[in-house]
Amino acid sequence: MSTLLQYREDGVLRLTLNRADKRNAFDRELYAELTAALQAADADPDVRVIRLGAEGGCFSAGNDIADFLAEPEQGRRTDPPLHLLQAMRRCRKPIVAEVNGKAVGIGATLLLHCDLVYAGEGSALMFPFVALGLCPEGGSTQLVPQLAGHVKAFEWLVLGQPCTAADAAQYGLINAVLPPEQLTVQVDKAVARLAALDPEAVQQSRRRLQQAAGAQLEALMRAEMDLFEQLLEGEAAQQALHAFVNR
């Protein structure tokens, strides 16, 4: 069974994380499938909007830690998440996310690279990097303080305090929080409205909105992953990650 479900209709490509039994944690297969799907959508003139969601009651538990600790076949362990985030940044098509439940680690930081994000009540963004002996990634060390200010960013990114959906909406990390029965309806409306707009105007506008961060943000993302890779080999991270797997 594929770890990513894909369905296209009326210019909308629906991508659904499909590892509900693993709380949609990212293993190497899911990273590769989602990255490839984004790149293919970017090159497909029939795709106007990308809709990102997840099966089950958890949007994503972040990295599949057991898979992440395994020796990579080639490259670095941090290459797959970096390639995914780069694909999201470089994609010309708008990305709309529907978040139901917890979004942890890269499951939270990838939302910073979506264009519209709607979350259900009870959802939360969680950044447990430092508690695992690691550092935040995905450009979050720039994007989150820009949106929420240093003290809230420090609370979420360093202390690991959950960012509730209500807080995320208040500080501009997501668009809105909705009751479960209204969440999909709102995402349907937003996606349909985007798909009805002139695609060239939408894509050029997305590019211009991202241009302020541009190469600086991509360089930061690479630097964060370099540090992440370095910390990953340290004793604190190895102990914390193995304890997590063996709990």
C-alpha atoms as a PDB file:
ATOM      1  CA  MET A   1       0.000   0.000   0.000  1.00  0.00           C
ATOM      2  CA  SER A   2       1.306   3.446  -0.918  1.00  0.00           C
ATOM      3  CA  THR A   3       2.273   5.779   1.915  1.00  0.00           C
ATOM      4  CA  LEU A   4       0.801   8.656  -0.120  1.00  0.00           C
ATOM      5  CA  LEU A   5      -2.630   8.723  -1.735  1.00  0.00           C
ATOM      6  CA  GLN A   6      -3.035  10.859  -4.863  1.00  0.00           C
ATOM      7  CA  TYR A   7      -6.237  11.979  -6.539  1.00  0.00           C
ATOM      8  CA  ARG A   8      -6.695  14.669  -9.170  1.00  0.00           C
ATOM      9  CA  GLU A   9      -9.913  16.366 -10.208  1.00  0.00           C
ATOM     10  CA  ASP A  10     -10.778  19.762 -11.725  1.00  0.00           C
ATOM     11  CA  GLY A  11      -7.214  21.056 -11.498  1.00  0.00           C
ATOM     12  CA  VAL A  12      -6.755  20.040  -7.858  1.00  0.00           C
ATOM     13  CA  LEU A  13      -4.192  17.423  -6.853  1.00  0.00           C
ATOM     14  CA  ARG A  14      -5.109  15.902  -3.518  1.00  0.00           C
ATOM     15  CA  LEU A  15      -2.156  14.417  -1.620  1.00  0.00           C
ATOM     16  CA  THR A  16      -2.990  12.447   1.521  1.00  0.00           C
ATOM     17  CA  LEU A  17      -0.425  11.047   3.958  1.00  0.00           C
ATOM     18  CA  ASN A  18      -1.374   7.400   4.350  1.00  0.00           C
ATOM     19  CA  ARG A  19       0.482   5.953   7.336  1.00  0.00           C
ATOM     20  CA  ALA A  20      -2.308   6.316   9.879  1.00  0.00           C
ATOM     21  CA  ASP A  21      -1.067   3.241  11.779  1.00  0.00           C
ATOM     22  CA  LYS A  22       2.225   5.138  12.321  1.00  0.00           C
ATOM     23  CA  ARG A  23       0.454   8.453  12.980  1.00  0.00           C
ATOM     24  CA  ASN A  24       1.614   9.515   9.503  1.00  0.00           C
ATOM     25  CA  ALA A  25       5.244   9.665  10.583  1.00  0.00           C
ATOM     26  CA  PHE A  26       7.640  10.274   7.716  1.00  0.00           C
ATOM     27  CA  ASP A  27       9.846   7.379   6.695  1.00  0.00           C
ATOM     28  CA  ARG A  28      12.125   7.467   3.657  1.00  0.00           C
ATOM     29  CA  GLU A  29       9.391   6.108   1.386  1.00  0.00           C
ATOM     30  CA  LEU A  30       6.898   8.818   2.351  1.00  0.00           C
ATOM     31  CA  TYR A  31       9.529  11.554   1.990  1.00  0.00           C
ATOM     32  CA  ALA A  32      10.377  10.296  -1.499  1.00  0.00           C
ATOM     33  CA  GLU A  33       6.752   9.891  -2.586  1.00  0.00           C
ATOM     34  CA  LEU A  34       5.646  13.330  -1.398  1.00  0.00           C
ATOM     35  CA  THR A  35       8.714  15.060  -2.845  1.00  0.00           C
ATOM     36  CA  ALA A  36       8.207  13.362  -6.220  1.00  0.00           C
ATOM     37  CA  ALA A  37       4.488  14.167  -6.221  1.00  0.00           C
ATOM     38  CA  LEU A  38       5.171  17.864  -5.574  1.00  0.00           C
ATOM     39  CA  GLN A  39       7.779  18.018  -8.317  1.00  0.00           C
ATOM     40  CA  ALA A  40       5.475  16.260 -10.775  1.00  0.00           C
ATOM     41  CA  ALA A  41       2.602  18.595  -9.893  1.00  0.00           C
ATOM     42  CA  ASP A  42       4.839  21.590 -10.439  1.00  0.00           C
ATOM     43  CA  ALA A  43       5.582  20.401 -13.968  1.00  0.00           C
ATOM     44  CA  ASP A  44       1.976  19.447 -14.797  1.00  0.00           C
ATOM     45  CA  PRO A  45       0.028  22.301 -16.432  1.00  0.00           C
ATOM     46  CA  ASP A  46      -3.263  20.613 -15.537  1.00  0.00           C
ATOM     47  CA  VAL A  47      -2.562  20.973 -11.784  1.00  0.00           C
ATOM     48  CA  ARG A  48      -3.591  24.353 -10.418  1.00  0.00           C
ATOM     49  CA  VAL A  49      -3.722  23.677  -6.676  1.00  0.00           C
ATOM     50  CA  ILE A  50      -2.185  21.098  -4.348  1.00  0.00           C
ATOM     51  CA  ARG A  51      -4.256  20.002  -1.378  1.00  0.00           C
ATOM     52  CA  LEU A  52      -2.352  18.315   1.456  1.00  0.00           C
ATOM     53  CA  GLY A  53      -4.026  16.248   4.162  1.00  0.00           C
ATOM     54  CA  ALA A  54      -3.664  13.057   6.159  1.00  0.00           C
ATOM     55  CA  GLU A  55      -5.568   9.906   7.023  1.00  0.00           C
ATOM     56  CA  GLY A  56      -6.561   9.258  10.635  1.00  0.00           C
ATOM     57  CA  GLY A  57      -6.627  11.555  13.642  1.00  0.00           C
ATOM     58  CA  CYS A  58      -3.027  12.772  13.497  1.00  0.00           C
ATOM     59  CA  PHE A  59      -1.718  14.991  10.709  1.00  0.00           C
ATOM     60  CA  SER A  60       1.868  13.772  11.225  1.00  0.00           C
ATOM     61  CA  ALA A  61       4.000  12.592  14.133  1.00  0.00           C
ATOM     62  CA  GLY A  62       7.119  13.930  12.377  1.00  0.00           C
ATOM     63  CA  ASN A  63      10.049  11.676  11.563  1.00  0.00           C
ATOM     64  CA  ASP A  64       9.645   7.939  11.946  1.00  0.00           C
ATOM     65  CA  ILE A  65      12.419   7.750  14.533  1.00  0.00           C
ATOM     66  CA  ALA A  66      13.304   4.068  13.993  1.00  0.00           C
ATOM     67  CA  ASP A  67      13.592   4.668  10.253  1.00  0.00           C
ATOM     68  CA  PHE A  68      15.491   7.880  10.851  1.00  0.00           C
ATOM     69  CA  LEU A  69      18.096   6.142  13.040  1.00  0.00           C
ATOM     70  CA  ALA A  70      18.764   3.467  10.418  1.00  0.00           C
ATOM     71  CA  GLU A  71      21.859   3.972   8.313  1.00  0.00           C
ATOM     72  CA  PRO A  72      20.954   5.797   5.090  1.00  0.00           C
ATOM     73  CA  GLU A  73      21.662   3.979   1.850  1.00  0.00           C
ATOM     74  CA  GLN A  74      23.331   7.108   0.517  1.00  0.00           C
ATOM     75  CA  GLY A  75      23.672  10.741   1.481  1.00  0.00           C
ATOM     76  CA  ARG A  76      22.763  12.060   4.899  1.00  0.00           C
ATOM     77  CA  ARG A  77      19.802  11.263   7.114  1.00  0.00           C
ATOM     78  CA  THR A  78      18.650  14.854   6.769  1.00  0.00           C
ATOM     79  CA  ASP A  79      18.662  14.807   2.946  1.00  0.00           C
ATOM     80  CA  PRO A  80      15.068  13.477   2.512  1.00  0.00           C
ATOM     81  CA  PRO A  81      13.424  16.121   4.757  1.00  0.00           C
ATOM     82  CA  LEU A  82      15.523  18.897   3.222  1.00  0.00           C
ATOM     83  CA  HIS A  83      14.613  17.771  -0.307  1.00  0.00           C
ATOM     84  CA  LEU A  84      10.911  17.736   0.651  1.00  0.00           C
ATOM     85  CA  LEU A  85      11.038  21.246   2.097  1.00  0.00           C
ATOM     86  CA  GLN A  86      12.947  22.530  -0.917  1.00  0.00           C
ATOM     87  CA  ALA A  87      10.316  21.006  -3.215  1.00  0.00           C
ATOM     88  CA  MET A  88       7.599  22.816  -1.269  1.00  0.00           C
ATOM     89  CA  ARG A  89       9.468  26.118  -1.456  1.00  0.00           C
ATOM     90  CA  ARG A  90      10.214  25.828  -5.171  1.00  0.00           C
ATOM     91  CA  CYS A  91       6.802  24.564  -6.260  1.00  0.00           C
ATOM     92  CA  ARG A  92       4.937  27.145  -8.340  1.00  0.00           C
ATOM     93  CA  LYS A  93       1.507  25.754  -7.468  1.00  0.00           C
ATOM     94  CA  PRO A  94      -0.231  26.926  -4.262  1.00  0.00           C
ATOM     95  CA  ILE A  95      -0.377  24.390  -1.432  1.00  0.00           C
ATOM     96  CA  VAL A  96      -3.386  24.232   0.895  1.00  0.00           C
ATOM     97  CA  ALA A  97      -3.117  22.116   4.054  1.00  0.00           C
ATOM     98  CA  GLU A  98      -5.913  20.525   6.086  1.00  0.00           C
ATOM     99  CA  VAL A  99      -4.639  19.700   9.583  1.00  0.00           C
ATOM    100  CA  ASN A 100      -6.585  17.330  11.775  1.00  0.00           C
ATOM    101  CA  GLY A 101      -4.858  16.476  15.048  1.00  0.00           C
ATOM    102  CA  LYS A 102      -1.225  16.909  16.021  1.00  0.00           C
ATOM    103  CA  ALA A 103       1.449  18.140  13.622  1.00  0.00           C
ATOM    104  CA  VAL A 104       4.822  17.275  15.150  1.00  0.00           C
ATOM    105  CA  GLY A 105       8.393  18.081  14.086  1.00  0.00           C
ATOM    106  CA  ILE A 106       8.626  18.266  10.323  1.00  0.00           C
ATOM    107  CA  GLY A 107       4.863  17.709  10.283  1.00  0.00           C
ATOM    108  CA  ALA A 108       4.669  21.201  11.789  1.00  0.00           C
ATOM    109  CA  THR A 109       7.559  22.923  10.018  1.00  0.00           C
ATOM    110  CA  LEU A 110       6.364  21.893   6.548  1.00  0.00           C
ATOM    111  CA  LEU A 111       3.152  23.839   7.237  1.00  0.00           C
ATOM    112  CA  LEU A 112       5.250  27.014   7.272  1.00  0.00           C
ATOM    113  CA  HIS A 113       5.785  26.451   3.530  1.00  0.00           C
ATOM    114  CA  CYS A 114       2.108  26.055   2.662  1.00  0.00           C
ATOM    115  CA  ASP A 115       0.050  28.975   1.378  1.00  0.00           C
ATOM    116  CA  LEU A 116      -3.155  28.318   3.277  1.00  0.00           C
ATOM    117  CA  VAL A 117      -3.465  26.179   6.409  1.00  0.00           C
ATOM    118  CA  TYR A 118      -6.730  25.295   8.145  1.00  0.00           C
ATOM    119  CA  ALA A 119      -6.811  23.231  11.345  1.00  0.00           C
ATOM    120  CA  GLY A 120      -9.480  21.420  13.300  1.00  0.00           C
ATOM    121  CA  GLU A 121     -10.260  22.201  16.911  1.00  0.00           C
ATOM    122  CA  GLY A 122      -7.923  20.280  19.205  1.00  0.00           C
ATOM    123  CA  SER A 123      -5.095  20.339  16.690  1.00  0.00           C
ATOM    124  CA  ALA A 124      -1.645  21.600  17.678  1.00  0.00           C
ATOM    125  CA  LEU A 125       1.794  22.245  16.238  1.00  0.00           C
ATOM    126  CA  MET A 126       4.642  20.707  18.242  1.00  0.00           C
ATOM    127  CA  PHE A 127       8.384  21.263  17.859  1.00  0.00           C
ATOM    128  CA  PRO A 128      10.129  18.729  20.161  1.00  0.00           C
ATOM    129  CA  PHE A 129      13.575  19.125  18.585  1.00  0.00           C
ATOM    130  CA  VAL A 130      15.555  20.467  21.547  1.00  0.00           C
ATOM    131  CA  ALA A 131      14.082  17.895  23.948  1.00  0.00           C
ATOM    132  CA  LEU A 132      15.570  15.271  21.606  1.00  0.00           C
ATOM    133  CA  GLY A 133      19.000  16.926  21.607  1.00  0.00           C
ATOM    134  CA  LEU A 134      18.407  18.418  18.151  1.00  0.00           C
ATOM    135  CA  CYS A 135      17.659  21.849  16.669  1.00  0.00           C
ATOM    136  CA  PRO A 136      14.603  23.235  14.861  1.00  0.00           C
ATOM    137  CA  GLU A 137      14.586  22.930  11.067  1.00  0.00           C
ATOM    138  CA  GLY A 138      12.583  23.865   8.001  1.00  0.00           C
ATOM    139  CA  GLY A 139      13.426  27.555   8.262  1.00  0.00           C
ATOM    140  CA  SER A 140      11.426  27.675  11.499  1.00  0.00           C
ATOM    141  CA  THR A 141      14.148  29.597  13.333  1.00  0.00           C
ATOM    142  CA  GLN A 142      13.433  32.516  10.991  1.00  0.00           C
ATOM    143  CA  LEU A 143       9.794  32.092  10.034  1.00  0.00           C
ATOM    144  CA  VAL A 144       8.284  31.500  13.479  1.00  0.00           C
ATOM    145  CA  PRO A 145       9.895  34.510  15.228  1.00  0.00           C
ATOM    146  CA  GLN A 146       8.967  36.693  12.241  1.00  0.00           C
ATOM    147  CA  LEU A 147       5.340  35.729  12.722  1.00  0.00           C
ATOM    148  CA  ALA A 148       5.035  35.394  16.481  1.00  0.00           C
ATOM    149  CA  GLY A 149       7.996  37.255  17.977  1.00  0.00           C
ATOM    150  CA  HIS A 150      11.047  35.934  19.790  1.00  0.00           C
ATOM    151  CA  VAL A 151       9.496  34.987  23.141  1.00  0.00           C
ATOM    152  CA  LYS A 152       6.655  32.874  21.684  1.00  0.00           C
ATOM    153  CA  ALA A 153       9.055  31.295  19.179  1.00  0.00           C
ATOM    154  CA  PHE A 154      11.452  30.437  22.006  1.00  0.00           C
ATOM    155  CA  GLU A 155       8.584  28.918  24.013  1.00  0.00           C
ATOM    156  CA  TRP A 156       7.563  26.669  21.123  1.00  0.00           C
ATOM    157  CA  LEU A 157      10.899  25.908  19.464  1.00  0.00           C
ATOM    158  CA  VAL A 158      13.193  25.608  22.491  1.00  0.00           C
ATOM    159  CA  LEU A 159      10.961  24.733  25.455  1.00  0.00           C
ATOM    160  CA  GLY A 160       8.856  22.536  23.180  1.00  0.00           C
ATOM    161  CA  GLN A 161       5.587  23.963  24.506  1.00  0.00           C
ATOM    162  CA  PRO A 162       2.772  22.906  22.149  1.00  0.00           C
ATOM    163  CA  CYS A 163       1.431  25.647  19.915  1.00  0.00           C
ATOM    164  CA  THR A 164      -2.319  25.151  20.035  1.00  0.00           C
ATOM    165  CA  ALA A 165      -4.335  25.683  16.883  1.00  0.00           C
ATOM    166  CA  ALA A 166      -5.869  28.773  18.499  1.00  0.00           C
ATOM    167  CA  ASP A 167      -2.414  30.236  19.191  1.00  0.00           C
ATOM    168  CA  ALA A 168      -1.230  29.279  15.705  1.00  0.00           C
ATOM    169  CA  ALA A 169      -4.163  31.195  14.197  1.00  0.00           C
ATOM    170  CA  GLN A 170      -3.652  34.177  16.509  1.00  0.00           C
ATOM    171  CA  TYR A 171       0.013  34.517  15.573  1.00  0.00           C
ATOM    172  CA  GLY A 172      -0.419  33.869  11.848  1.00  0.00           C
ATOM    173  CA  LEU A 173       1.038  30.369  11.540  1.00  0.00           C
ATOM    174  CA  ILE A 174      -2.292  29.094  10.203  1.00  0.00           C
ATOM    175  CA  ASN A 175      -5.375  30.741   8.732  1.00  0.00           C
ATOM    176  CA  ALA A 176      -8.174  29.487  10.954  1.00  0.00           C
ATOM    177  CA  VAL A 177      -9.370  26.896  13.464  1.00  0.00           C
ATOM    178  CA  LEU A 178     -12.660  25.179  12.681  1.00  0.00           C
ATOM    179  CA  PRO A 179     -14.952  22.554  14.213  1.00  0.00           C
ATOM    180  CA  PRO A 180     -14.353  19.124  12.663  1.00  0.00           C
ATOM    181  CA  GLU A 181     -17.583  19.209  10.690  1.00  0.00           C
ATOM    182  CA  GLN A 182     -16.622  22.556   9.110  1.00  0.00           C
ATOM    183  CA  LEU A 183     -12.935  21.918   8.438  1.00  0.00           C
ATOM    184  CA  THR A 184     -13.208  20.004   5.165  1.00  0.00           C
ATOM    185  CA  VAL A 185     -15.955  22.327   3.933  1.00  0.00           C
ATOM    186  CA  GLN A 186     -13.705  25.351   4.440  1.00  0.00           C
ATOM    187  CA  VAL A 187     -10.762  23.678   2.718  1.00  0.00           C
ATOM    188  CA  ASP A 188     -13.052  22.677  -0.188  1.00  0.00           C
ATOM    189  CA  LYS A 189     -14.087  26.325  -0.598  1.00  0.00           C
ATOM    190  CA  ALA A 190     -10.524  27.669  -0.456  1.00  0.00           C
ATOM    191  CA  VAL A 191      -9.214  25.100  -2.936  1.00  0.00           C
ATOM    192  CA  ALA A 192     -12.103  25.653  -5.366  1.00  0.00           C
ATOM    193  CA  ARG A 193     -11.627  29.415  -5.216  1.00  0.00           C
ATOM    194  CA  LEU A 194      -7.912  29.089  -5.953  1.00  0.00           C
ATOM    195  CA  ALA A 195      -8.506  26.640  -8.800  1.00  0.00           C
ATOM    196  CA  ALA A 196     -10.943  29.081 -10.422  1.00  0.00           C
ATOM    197  CA  LEU A 197      -8.369  31.892 -10.573  1.00  0.00           C
ATOM    198  CA  ASP A 198      -5.988  32.466 -13.463  1.00  0.00           C
ATOM    199  CA  PRO A 199      -3.146  29.981 -12.799  1.00  0.00           C
ATOM    200  CA  GLU A 200      -0.389  32.247 -14.101  1.00  0.00           C
ATOM    201  CA  ALA A 201      -1.518  35.104 -11.866  1.00  0.00           C
ATOM    202  CA  VAL A 202      -1.680  32.784  -8.856  1.00  0.00           C
ATOM    203  CA  GLN A 203       1.739  31.241  -9.496  1.00  0.00           C
ATOM    204  CA  GLN A 204       3.458  34.560 -10.121  1.00  0.00           C
ATOM    205  CA  SER A 205       1.868  36.013  -6.991  1.00  0.00           C
ATOM    206  CA  ARG A 206       3.044  33.038  -4.911  1.00  0.00           C
ATOM    207  CA  ARG A 207       6.548  33.557  -6.257  1.00  0.00           C
ATOM    208  CA  ARG A 208       6.519  37.274  -5.424  1.00  0.00           C
ATOM    209  CA  LEU A 209       5.243  36.646  -1.911  1.00  0.00           C
ATOM    210  CA  GLN A 210       8.107  34.216  -1.324  1.00  0.00           C
ATOM    211  CA  GLN A 211      10.726  36.426  -2.931  1.00  0.00           C
ATOM    212  CA  ALA A 212      11.440  38.481   0.200  1.00  0.00           C
ATOM    213  CA  ALA A 213      12.886  35.410   1.928  1.00  0.00           C
ATOM    214  CA  GLY A 214      14.250  33.821  -1.247  1.00  0.00           C
ATOM    215  CA  ALA A 215      17.795  32.488  -1.276  1.00  0.00           C
ATOM    216  CA  GLN A 216      18.388  33.623   2.300  1.00  0.00           C
ATOM    217  CA  LEU A 217      15.718  31.264   3.620  1.00  0.00           C
ATOM    218  CA  GLU A 218      16.978  28.341   1.522  1.00  0.00           C
ATOM    219  CA  ALA A 219      20.497  28.939   2.860  1.00  0.00           C
ATOM    220  CA  LEU A 220      19.126  29.001   6.407  1.00  0.00           C
ATOM    221  CA  MET A 221      17.257  25.739   5.822  1.00  0.00           C
ATOM    222  CA  ARG A 222      20.482  24.086   4.671  1.00  0.00           C
ATOM    223  CA  ALA A 223      22.390  25.511   7.655  1.00  0.00           C
ATOM    224  CA  GLU A 224      19.716  24.244  10.066  1.00  0.00           C
ATOM    225  CA  MET A 225      19.975  20.763   8.544  1.00  0.00           C
ATOM    226  CA  ASP A 226      23.786  20.838   8.758  1.00  0.00           C
ATOM    227  CA  LEU A 227      23.531  21.579  12.469  1.00  0.00           C
ATOM    228  CA  PHE A 228      20.735  19.006  12.855  1.00  0.00           C
ATOM    229  CA  GLU A 229      22.971  16.367  11.243  1.00  0.00           C
ATOM    230  CA  GLN A 230      25.848  17.312  13.547  1.00  0.00           C
ATOM    231  CA  LEU A 231      23.692  17.184  16.690  1.00  0.00           C
ATOM    232  CA  LEU A 232      22.142  13.906  15.555  1.00  0.00           C
ATOM    233  CA  GLU A 233      25.474  12.159  16.008  1.00  0.00           C
ATOM    234  CA  GLY A 234      25.881  13.547  19.532  1.00  0.00           C
ATOM    235  CA  GLU A 235      25.368  11.543  22.708  1.00  0.00           C
ATOM    236  CA  ALA A 236      22.359  13.559  23.900  1.00  0.00           C
ATOM    237  CA  ALA A 237      20.397  13.035  20.689  1.00  0.00           C
ATOM    238  CA  GLN A 238      21.321   9.373  20.368  1.00  0.00           C
ATOM    239  CA  GLN A 239      20.237   8.639  23.945  1.00  0.00           C
ATOM    240  CA  ALA A 240      16.988  10.567  23.580  1.00  0.00           C
ATOM    241  CA  LEU A 241      16.085   9.040  20.237  1.00  0.00           C
ATOM    242  CA  HIS A 242      16.868   5.457  21.259  1.00  0.00           C
ATOM    243  CA  ALA A 243      14.902   5.970  24.496  1.00  0.00           C
ATOM    244  CA  PHE A 244      11.966   7.202  22.400  1.00  0.00           C
ATOM    245  CA  VAL A 245      12.113   4.128  20.151  1.00  0.00           C
ATOM    246  CA  ASN A 246      12.448   1.703  23.062  1.00  0.00           C
ATOM    247  CA  ARG A 247       9.822   3.227  25.347  1.00  0.00           C
END
